Amino acid sequence: MRTIQLPPRCDRAAAEALLPEFQAALGAGALSIDASEAKQIGQAMLQLLVSARRTGDGAHINPSPALIEAARLTGLEAALFDGSVA
């Protein structure tokens, strides 16, 4: 399983920089996203994470408290997490 580490600041620039890595990883089987260090989560990163969850074999996300809160505020908990988080 491939793991992608998210940076502390997950803004549009970070989403754009990580997009090629996500695209390559999602075509190669299971993907784990380590968001445990993410402190700021922007809309573009949320969109990228939802897309990763819905593509191919999907992705498992290890969230930070900031990501859990962003998902709660936007109503994306079910789209981002397996149910054991938040």
PDB file of N, CA and C in Angstrom:
ATOM      1  N   MET A   1       0.845  -1.179   0.000  1.00  0.00           N
ATOM      2  CA  MET A   1       0.000   0.000   0.000  1.00  0.00           C
ATOM      3  C   MET A   1       0.891   1.243   0.000  1.00  0.00           C
ATOM      4  N   ARG A   2       0.636   2.121  -0.903  1.00  0.00           N
ATOM      5  CA  ARG A   2       1.404   3.371  -0.999  1.00  0.00           C
ATOM      6  C   ARG A   2       0.822   4.399  -0.030  1.00  0.00           C
ATOM      7  N   THR A   3       1.694   5.215   0.578  1.00  0.00           N
ATOM      8  CA  THR A   3       1.268   6.263   1.501  1.00  0.00           C
ATOM      9  C   THR A   3       1.709   7.625   0.985  1.00  0.00           C
ATOM     10  N   ILE A   4       0.781   8.564   1.019  1.00  0.00           N
ATOM     11  CA  ILE A   4       1.081   9.952   0.679  1.00  0.00           C
ATOM     12  C   ILE A   4       0.932  10.772   1.953  1.00  0.00           C
ATOM     13  N   GLN A   5       1.960  11.546   2.268  1.00  0.00           N
ATOM     14  CA  GLN A   5       1.977  12.403   3.458  1.00  0.00           C
ATOM     15  C   GLN A   5       1.501  13.798   3.071  1.00  0.00           C
ATOM     16  N   LEU A   6       0.476  14.304   3.762  1.00  0.00           N
ATOM     17  CA  LEU A   6       0.024  15.665   3.516  1.00  0.00           C
ATOM     18  C   LEU A   6       0.834  16.647   4.354  1.00  0.00           C
ATOM     19  N   PRO A   7       1.050  17.850   3.830  1.00  0.00           N
ATOM     20  CA  PRO A   7       1.802  18.864   4.568  1.00  0.00           C
ATOM     21  C   PRO A   7       0.924  19.514   5.640  1.00  0.00           C
ATOM     22  N   PRO A   8       1.524  20.278   6.537  1.00  0.00           N
ATOM     23  CA  PRO A   8       0.732  20.989   7.548  1.00  0.00           C
ATOM     24  C   PRO A   8      -0.268  21.975   6.939  1.00  0.00           C
ATOM     25  N   ARG A   9       0.122  22.645   5.871  1.00  0.00           N
ATOM     26  CA  ARG A   9      -0.779  23.598   5.216  1.00  0.00           C
ATOM     27  C   ARG A   9      -1.312  22.964   3.929  1.00  0.00           C
ATOM     28  N   CYS A  10      -2.562  22.557   3.964  1.00  0.00           N
ATOM     29  CA  CYS A  10      -3.186  21.875   2.828  1.00  0.00           C
ATOM     30  C   CYS A  10      -4.086  22.845   2.067  1.00  0.00           C
ATOM     31  N   ASP A  11      -3.462  23.782   1.376  1.00  0.00           N
ATOM     32  CA  ASP A  11      -4.200  24.772   0.609  1.00  0.00           C
ATOM     33  C   ASP A  11      -4.231  24.370  -0.867  1.00  0.00           C
ATOM     34  N   ARG A  12      -4.685  25.291  -1.713  1.00  0.00           N
ATOM     35  CA  ARG A  12      -4.791  24.992  -3.139  1.00  0.00           C
ATOM     36  C   ARG A  12      -3.437  24.647  -3.755  1.00  0.00           C
ATOM     37  N   ALA A  13      -2.403  25.377  -3.364  1.00  0.00           N
ATOM     38  CA  ALA A  13      -1.062  25.094  -3.899  1.00  0.00           C
ATOM     39  C   ALA A  13      -0.608  23.687  -3.535  1.00  0.00           C
ATOM     40  N   ALA A  14      -0.881  23.261  -2.316  1.00  0.00           N
ATOM     41  CA  ALA A  14      -0.510  21.903  -1.894  1.00  0.00           C
ATOM     42  C   ALA A  14      -1.306  20.864  -2.680  1.00  0.00           C
ATOM     43  N   ALA A  15      -2.595  21.128  -2.882  1.00  0.00           N
ATOM     44  CA  ALA A  15      -3.431  20.198  -3.655  1.00  0.00           C
ATOM     45  C   ALA A  15      -2.914  20.076  -5.087  1.00  0.00           C
ATOM     46  N   GLU A  16      -2.568  21.206  -5.698  1.00  0.00           N
ATOM     47  CA  GLU A  16      -2.041  21.178  -7.066  1.00  0.00           C
ATOM     48  C   GLU A  16      -0.707  20.443  -7.132  1.00  0.00           C
ATOM     49  N   ALA A  17       0.143  20.642  -6.133  1.00  0.00           N
ATOM     50  CA  ALA A  17       1.450  19.978  -6.114  1.00  0.00           C
ATOM     51  C   ALA A  17       1.311  18.469  -5.918  1.00  0.00           C
ATOM     52  N   LEU A  18       0.322  18.052  -5.136  1.00  0.00           N
ATOM     53  CA  LEU A  18       0.146  16.627  -4.842  1.00  0.00           C
ATOM     54  C   LEU A  18      -0.688  15.885  -5.889  1.00  0.00           C
ATOM     55  N   LEU A  19      -1.407  16.600  -6.731  1.00  0.00           N
ATOM     56  CA  LEU A  19      -2.300  15.954  -7.700  1.00  0.00           C
ATOM     57  C   LEU A  19      -1.602  14.886  -8.542  1.00  0.00           C
ATOM     58  N   PRO A  20      -0.443  15.144  -9.140  1.00  0.00           N
ATOM     59  CA  PRO A  20       0.212  14.088  -9.930  1.00  0.00           C
ATOM     60  C   PRO A  20       0.550  12.841  -9.100  1.00  0.00           C
ATOM     61  N   GLU A  21       0.971  13.049  -7.859  1.00  0.00           N
ATOM     62  CA  GLU A  21       1.291  11.916  -6.989  1.00  0.00           C
ATOM     63  C   GLU A  21       0.029  11.103  -6.685  1.00  0.00           C
ATOM     64  N   PHE A  22      -1.085  11.798  -6.428  1.00  0.00           N
ATOM     65  CA  PHE A  22      -2.354  11.109  -6.199  1.00  0.00           C
ATOM     66  C   PHE A  22      -2.769  10.329  -7.433  1.00  0.00           C
ATOM     67  N   GLN A  23      -2.669  10.937  -8.599  1.00  0.00           N
ATOM     68  CA  GLN A  23      -3.072  10.272  -9.835  1.00  0.00           C
ATOM     69  C   GLN A  23      -2.258   9.004 -10.072  1.00  0.00           C
ATOM     70  N   ALA A  24      -0.971   9.066  -9.859  1.00  0.00           N
ATOM     71  CA  ALA A  24      -0.107   7.896 -10.046  1.00  0.00           C
ATOM     72  C   ALA A  24      -0.418   6.813  -9.024  1.00  0.00           C
ATOM     73  N   ALA A  25      -0.622   7.213  -7.793  1.00  0.00           N
ATOM     74  CA  ALA A  25      -0.862   6.243  -6.721  1.00  0.00           C
ATOM     75  C   ALA A  25      -2.215   5.563  -6.858  1.00  0.00           C
ATOM     76  N   LEU A  26      -3.236   6.297  -7.265  1.00  0.00           N
ATOM     77  CA  LEU A  26      -4.569   5.714  -7.354  1.00  0.00           C
ATOM     78  C   LEU A  26      -4.683   4.699  -8.480  1.00  0.00           C
ATOM     79  N   GLY A  27      -3.788   4.763  -9.438  1.00  0.00           N
ATOM     80  CA  GLY A  27      -3.791   3.787 -10.503  1.00  0.00           C
ATOM     81  C   GLY A  27      -3.025   2.525 -10.161  1.00  0.00           C
ATOM     82  N   ALA A  28      -2.424   2.484  -8.973  1.00  0.00           N
ATOM     83  CA  ALA A  28      -1.550   1.373  -8.608  1.00  0.00           C
ATOM     84  C   ALA A  28      -2.020   0.619  -7.368  1.00  0.00           C
ATOM     85  N   GLY A  29      -3.317   0.573  -7.124  1.00  0.00           N
ATOM     86  CA  GLY A  29      -3.824  -0.187  -5.984  1.00  0.00           C
ATOM     87  C   GLY A  29      -4.190   0.675  -4.797  1.00  0.00           C
ATOM     88  N   ALA A  30      -4.179   0.050  -3.632  1.00  0.00           N
ATOM     89  CA  ALA A  30      -4.617   0.711  -2.408  1.00  0.00           C
ATOM     90  C   ALA A  30      -3.717   1.895  -2.058  1.00  0.00           C
ATOM     91  N   LEU A  31      -4.339   2.917  -1.476  1.00  0.00           N
ATOM     92  CA  LEU A  31      -3.627   4.135  -1.119  1.00  0.00           C
ATOM     93  C   LEU A  31      -3.977   4.529   0.307  1.00  0.00           C
ATOM     94  N   SER A  32      -2.958   4.932   1.045  1.00  0.00           N
ATOM     95  CA  SER A  32      -3.136   5.473   2.392  1.00  0.00           C
ATOM     96  C   SER A  32      -2.690   6.928   2.358  1.00  0.00           C
ATOM     97  N   ILE A  33      -3.503   7.799   2.947  1.00  0.00           N
ATOM     98  CA  ILE A  33      -3.173   9.216   3.011  1.00  0.00           C
ATOM     99  C   ILE A  33      -2.953   9.577   4.468  1.00  0.00           C
ATOM    100  N   ASP A  34      -1.737  10.004   4.774  1.00  0.00           N
ATOM    101  CA  ASP A  34      -1.401  10.390   6.144  1.00  0.00           C
ATOM    102  C   ASP A  34      -1.582  11.896   6.277  1.00  0.00           C
ATOM    103  N   ALA A  35      -2.680  12.281   6.897  1.00  0.00           N
ATOM    104  CA  ALA A  35      -2.988  13.699   7.102  1.00  0.00           C
ATOM    105  C   ALA A  35      -2.803  14.080   8.563  1.00  0.00           C
ATOM    106  N   SER A  36      -2.065  13.267   9.302  1.00  0.00           N
ATOM    107  CA  SER A  36      -1.943  13.466  10.748  1.00  0.00           C
ATOM    108  C   SER A  36      -1.259  14.771  11.130  1.00  0.00           C
ATOM    109  N   GLU A  37      -0.472  15.366  10.216  1.00  0.00           N
ATOM    110  CA  GLU A  37       0.221  16.618  10.508  1.00  0.00           C
ATOM    111  C   GLU A  37      -0.486  17.846   9.920  1.00  0.00           C
ATOM    112  N   ALA A  38      -1.608  17.620   9.236  1.00  0.00           N
ATOM    113  CA  ALA A  38      -2.336  18.728   8.597  1.00  0.00           C
ATOM    114  C   ALA A  38      -2.962  19.638   9.651  1.00  0.00           C
ATOM    115  N   LYS A  39      -2.660  20.923   9.540  1.00  0.00           N
ATOM    116  CA  LYS A  39      -3.174  21.916  10.486  1.00  0.00           C
ATOM    117  C   LYS A  39      -4.217  22.828   9.847  1.00  0.00           C
ATOM    118  N   GLN A  40      -4.050  23.126   8.552  1.00  0.00           N
ATOM    119  CA  GLN A  40      -4.980  23.964   7.806  1.00  0.00           C
ATOM    120  C   GLN A  40      -5.441  23.188   6.583  1.00  0.00           C
ATOM    121  N   ILE A  41      -6.763  23.123   6.394  1.00  0.00           N
ATOM    122  CA  ILE A  41      -7.324  22.355   5.286  1.00  0.00           C
ATOM    123  C   ILE A  41      -8.187  23.275   4.437  1.00  0.00           C
ATOM    124  N   GLY A  42      -7.837  23.415   3.167  1.00  0.00           N
ATOM    125  CA  GLY A  42      -8.614  24.243   2.260  1.00  0.00           C
ATOM    126  C   GLY A  42      -9.579  23.412   1.429  1.00  0.00           C
ATOM    127  N   GLN A  43     -10.477  24.113   0.739  1.00  0.00           N
ATOM    128  CA  GLN A  43     -11.496  23.465  -0.079  1.00  0.00           C
ATOM    129  C   GLN A  43     -10.885  22.599  -1.180  1.00  0.00           C
ATOM    130  N   ALA A  44      -9.821  23.062  -1.818  1.00  0.00           N
ATOM    131  CA  ALA A  44      -9.203  22.287  -2.895  1.00  0.00           C
ATOM    132  C   ALA A  44      -8.676  20.950  -2.381  1.00  0.00           C
ATOM    133  N   MET A  45      -8.086  20.948  -1.194  1.00  0.00           N
ATOM    134  CA  MET A  45      -7.582  19.690  -0.632  1.00  0.00           C
ATOM    135  C   MET A  45      -8.743  18.773  -0.257  1.00  0.00           C
ATOM    136  N   LEU A  46      -9.816  19.332   0.278  1.00  0.00           N
ATOM    137  CA  LEU A  46     -10.989  18.508   0.583  1.00  0.00           C
ATOM    138  C   LEU A  46     -11.518  17.845  -0.688  1.00  0.00           C
ATOM    139  N   GLN A  47     -11.565  18.597  -1.783  1.00  0.00           N
ATOM    140  CA  GLN A  47     -12.024  18.029  -3.051  1.00  0.00           C
ATOM    141  C   GLN A  47     -11.097  16.909  -3.522  1.00  0.00           C
ATOM    142  N   LEU A  48      -9.798  17.113  -3.392  1.00  0.00           N
ATOM    143  CA  LEU A  48      -8.837  16.091  -3.791  1.00  0.00           C
ATOM    144  C   LEU A  48      -8.997  14.831  -2.944  1.00  0.00           C
ATOM    145  N   LEU A  49      -9.213  14.994  -1.642  1.00  0.00           N
ATOM    146  CA  LEU A  49      -9.375  13.842  -0.755  1.00  0.00           C
ATOM    147  C   LEU A  49     -10.662  13.079  -1.056  1.00  0.00           C
ATOM    148  N   VAL A  50     -11.756  13.784  -1.317  1.00  0.00           N
ATOM    149  CA  VAL A  50     -13.013  13.109  -1.674  1.00  0.00           C
ATOM    150  C   VAL A  50     -12.830  12.347  -2.980  1.00  0.00           C
ATOM    151  N   SER A  51     -12.173  12.956  -3.944  1.00  0.00           N
ATOM    152  CA  SER A  51     -11.915  12.288  -5.212  1.00  0.00           C
ATOM    153  C   SER A  51     -11.075  11.027  -5.015  1.00  0.00           C
ATOM    154  N   ALA A  52     -10.049  11.115  -4.171  1.00  0.00           N
ATOM    155  CA  ALA A  52      -9.200   9.954  -3.899  1.00  0.00           C
ATOM    156  C   ALA A  52      -9.999   8.828  -3.264  1.00  0.00           C
ATOM    157  N   ARG A  53     -10.924   9.181  -2.385  1.00  0.00           N
ATOM    158  CA  ARG A  53     -11.755   8.150  -1.738  1.00  0.00           C
ATOM    159  C   ARG A  53     -12.676   7.459  -2.739  1.00  0.00           C
ATOM    160  N   ARG A  54     -13.099   8.177  -3.769  1.00  0.00           N
ATOM    161  CA  ARG A  54     -14.078   7.639  -4.725  1.00  0.00           C
ATOM    162  C   ARG A  54     -13.451   7.012  -5.965  1.00  0.00           C
ATOM    163  N   THR A  55     -12.141   7.079  -6.096  1.00  0.00           N
ATOM    164  CA  THR A  55     -11.464   6.607  -7.301  1.00  0.00           C
ATOM    165  C   THR A  55     -10.808   5.247  -7.065  1.00  0.00           C
ATOM    166  N   GLY A  56     -10.922   4.380  -8.047  1.00  0.00           N
ATOM    167  CA  GLY A  56     -10.263   3.073  -7.986  1.00  0.00           C
ATOM    168  C   GLY A  56     -10.621   2.290  -6.741  1.00  0.00           C
ATOM    169  N   ASP A  57      -9.582   1.818  -6.051  1.00  0.00           N
ATOM    170  CA  ASP A  57      -9.785   1.064  -4.816  1.00  0.00           C
ATOM    171  C   ASP A  57     -10.076   1.976  -3.636  1.00  0.00           C
ATOM    172  N   GLY A  58     -10.110   3.276  -3.886  1.00  0.00           N
ATOM    173  CA  GLY A  58     -10.339   4.237  -2.814  1.00  0.00           C
ATOM    174  C   GLY A  58      -9.068   4.482  -2.036  1.00  0.00           C
ATOM    175  N   ALA A  59      -9.189   5.275  -1.009  1.00  0.00           N
ATOM    176  CA  ALA A  59      -8.041   5.614  -0.183  1.00  0.00           C
ATOM    177  C   ALA A  59      -8.466   5.618   1.271  1.00  0.00           C
ATOM    178  N   HIS A  60      -7.554   5.215   2.128  1.00  0.00           N
ATOM    179  CA  HIS A  60      -7.786   5.308   3.574  1.00  0.00           C
ATOM    180  C   HIS A  60      -7.072   6.565   4.050  1.00  0.00           C
ATOM    181  N   ILE A  61      -7.764   7.372   4.863  1.00  0.00           N
ATOM    182  CA  ILE A  61      -7.192   8.630   5.351  1.00  0.00           C
ATOM    183  C   ILE A  61      -6.968   8.537   6.855  1.00  0.00           C
ATOM    184  N   ASN A  62      -5.738   8.822   7.276  1.00  0.00           N
ATOM    185  CA  ASN A  62      -5.394   8.944   8.687  1.00  0.00           C
ATOM    186  C   ASN A  62      -5.465  10.441   9.009  1.00  0.00           C
ATOM    187  N   PRO A  63      -6.570  10.919   9.607  1.00  0.00           N
ATOM    188  CA  PRO A  63      -6.791  12.357   9.737  1.00  0.00           C
ATOM    189  C   PRO A  63      -6.161  12.995  10.969  1.00  0.00           C
ATOM    190  N   SER A  64      -5.961  14.286  10.854  1.00  0.00           N
ATOM    191  CA  SER A  64      -5.567  15.115  11.992  1.00  0.00           C
ATOM    192  C   SER A  64      -6.851  15.683  12.606  1.00  0.00           C
ATOM    193  N   PRO A  65      -6.766  16.238  13.806  1.00  0.00           N
ATOM    194  CA  PRO A  65      -7.940  16.907  14.374  1.00  0.00           C
ATOM    195  C   PRO A  65      -8.463  18.023  13.460  1.00  0.00           C
ATOM    196  N   ALA A  66      -7.569  18.747  12.782  1.00  0.00           N
ATOM    197  CA  ALA A  66      -7.997  19.819  11.880  1.00  0.00           C
ATOM    198  C   ALA A  66      -8.784  19.268  10.693  1.00  0.00           C
ATOM    199  N   LEU A  67      -8.370  18.126  10.156  1.00  0.00           N
ATOM    200  CA  LEU A  67      -9.105  17.524   9.041  1.00  0.00           C
ATOM    201  C   LEU A  67     -10.458  17.010   9.514  1.00  0.00           C
ATOM    202  N   ILE A  68     -10.506  16.415  10.668  1.00  0.00           N
ATOM    203  CA  ILE A  68     -11.780  15.944  11.206  1.00  0.00           C
ATOM    204  C   ILE A  68     -12.751  17.114  11.372  1.00  0.00           C
ATOM    205  N   GLU A  69     -12.259  18.236  11.892  1.00  0.00           N
ATOM    206  CA  GLU A  69     -13.100  19.413  12.078  1.00  0.00           C
ATOM    207  C   GLU A  69     -13.548  19.999  10.745  1.00  0.00           C
ATOM    208  N   ALA A  70     -12.655  20.074   9.759  1.00  0.00           N
ATOM    209  CA  ALA A  70     -13.024  20.579   8.434  1.00  0.00           C
ATOM    210  C   ALA A  70     -14.085  19.686   7.795  1.00  0.00           C
ATOM    211  N   ALA A  71     -13.940  18.381   7.946  1.00  0.00           N
ATOM    212  CA  ALA A  71     -14.932  17.448   7.408  1.00  0.00           C
ATOM    213  C   ALA A  71     -16.277  17.630   8.104  1.00  0.00           C
ATOM    214  N   ARG A  72     -16.243  17.835   9.404  1.00  0.00           N
ATOM    215  CA  ARG A  72     -17.486  18.048  10.153  1.00  0.00           C
ATOM    216  C   ARG A  72     -18.174  19.328   9.698  1.00  0.00           C
ATOM    217  N   LEU A  73     -17.411  20.397   9.563  1.00  0.00           N
ATOM    218  CA  LEU A  73     -17.983  21.691   9.176  1.00  0.00           C
ATOM    219  C   LEU A  73     -18.562  21.691   7.762  1.00  0.00           C
ATOM    220  N   THR A  74     -18.008  20.885   6.887  1.00  0.00           N
ATOM    221  CA  THR A  74     -18.459  20.840   5.499  1.00  0.00           C
ATOM    222  C   THR A  74     -19.411  19.678   5.214  1.00  0.00           C
ATOM    223  N   GLY A  75     -19.669  18.859   6.210  1.00  0.00           N
ATOM    224  CA  GLY A  75     -20.563  17.722   6.015  1.00  0.00           C
ATOM    225  C   GLY A  75     -19.943  16.590   5.213  1.00  0.00           C
ATOM    226  N   LEU A  76     -18.622  16.474   5.228  1.00  0.00           N
ATOM    227  CA  LEU A  76     -17.934  15.460   4.424  1.00  0.00           C
ATOM    228  C   LEU A  76     -17.424  14.261   5.222  1.00  0.00           C
ATOM    229  N   GLU A  77     -17.856  14.122   6.466  1.00  0.00           N
ATOM    230  CA  GLU A  77     -17.347  13.001   7.278  1.00  0.00           C
ATOM    231  C   GLU A  77     -17.576  11.659   6.594  1.00  0.00           C
ATOM    232  N   ALA A  78     -18.773  11.410   6.103  1.00  0.00           N
ATOM    233  CA  ALA A  78     -19.074  10.116   5.485  1.00  0.00           C
ATOM    234  C   ALA A  78     -18.283   9.909   4.197  1.00  0.00           C
ATOM    235  N   ALA A  79     -18.012  10.983   3.465  1.00  0.00           N
ATOM    236  CA  ALA A  79     -17.271  10.876   2.204  1.00  0.00           C
ATOM    237  C   ALA A  79     -15.781  10.646   2.440  1.00  0.00           C
ATOM    238  N   LEU A  80     -15.256  11.107   3.596  1.00  0.00           N
ATOM    239  CA  LEU A  80     -13.809  11.032   3.839  1.00  0.00           C
ATOM    240  C   LEU A  80     -13.359   9.896   4.745  1.00  0.00           C
ATOM    241  N   PHE A  81     -14.228   9.484   5.635  1.00  0.00           N
ATOM    242  CA  PHE A  81     -13.786   8.539   6.663  1.00  0.00           C
ATOM    243  C   PHE A  81     -14.597   7.250   6.639  1.00  0.00           C
ATOM    244  N   ASP A  82     -13.965   6.185   7.144  1.00  0.00           N
ATOM    245  CA  ASP A  82     -14.584   4.866   7.130  1.00  0.00           C
ATOM    246  C   ASP A  82     -15.662   4.680   8.182  1.00  0.00           C
ATOM    247  N   GLY A  83     -15.857   5.637   9.029  1.00  0.00           N
ATOM    248  CA  GLY A  83     -16.873   5.522  10.074  1.00  0.00           C
ATOM    249  C   GLY A  83     -16.287   5.380  11.460  1.00  0.00           C
ATOM    250  N   SER A  84     -15.016   5.034  11.548  1.00  0.00           N
ATOM    251  CA  SER A  84     -14.374   4.857  12.860  1.00  0.00           C
ATOM    252  C   SER A  84     -13.714   6.143  13.343  1.00  0.00           C
ATOM    253  N   VAL A  85     -13.816   7.215  12.560  1.00  0.00           N
ATOM    254  CA  VAL A  85     -13.204   8.483  12.893  1.00  0.00           C
ATOM    255  C   VAL A  85     -14.307   9.500  13.159  1.00  0.00           C
ATOM    256  N   ALA A  86     -13.984  10.511  13.913  1.00  0.00           N
ATOM    257  CA  ALA A  86     -14.879  11.639  14.202  1.00  0.00           C
ATOM    258  C   ALA A  86     -15.894  11.294  15.209  1.00  0.00           C
TER     259      ALA A  86
END
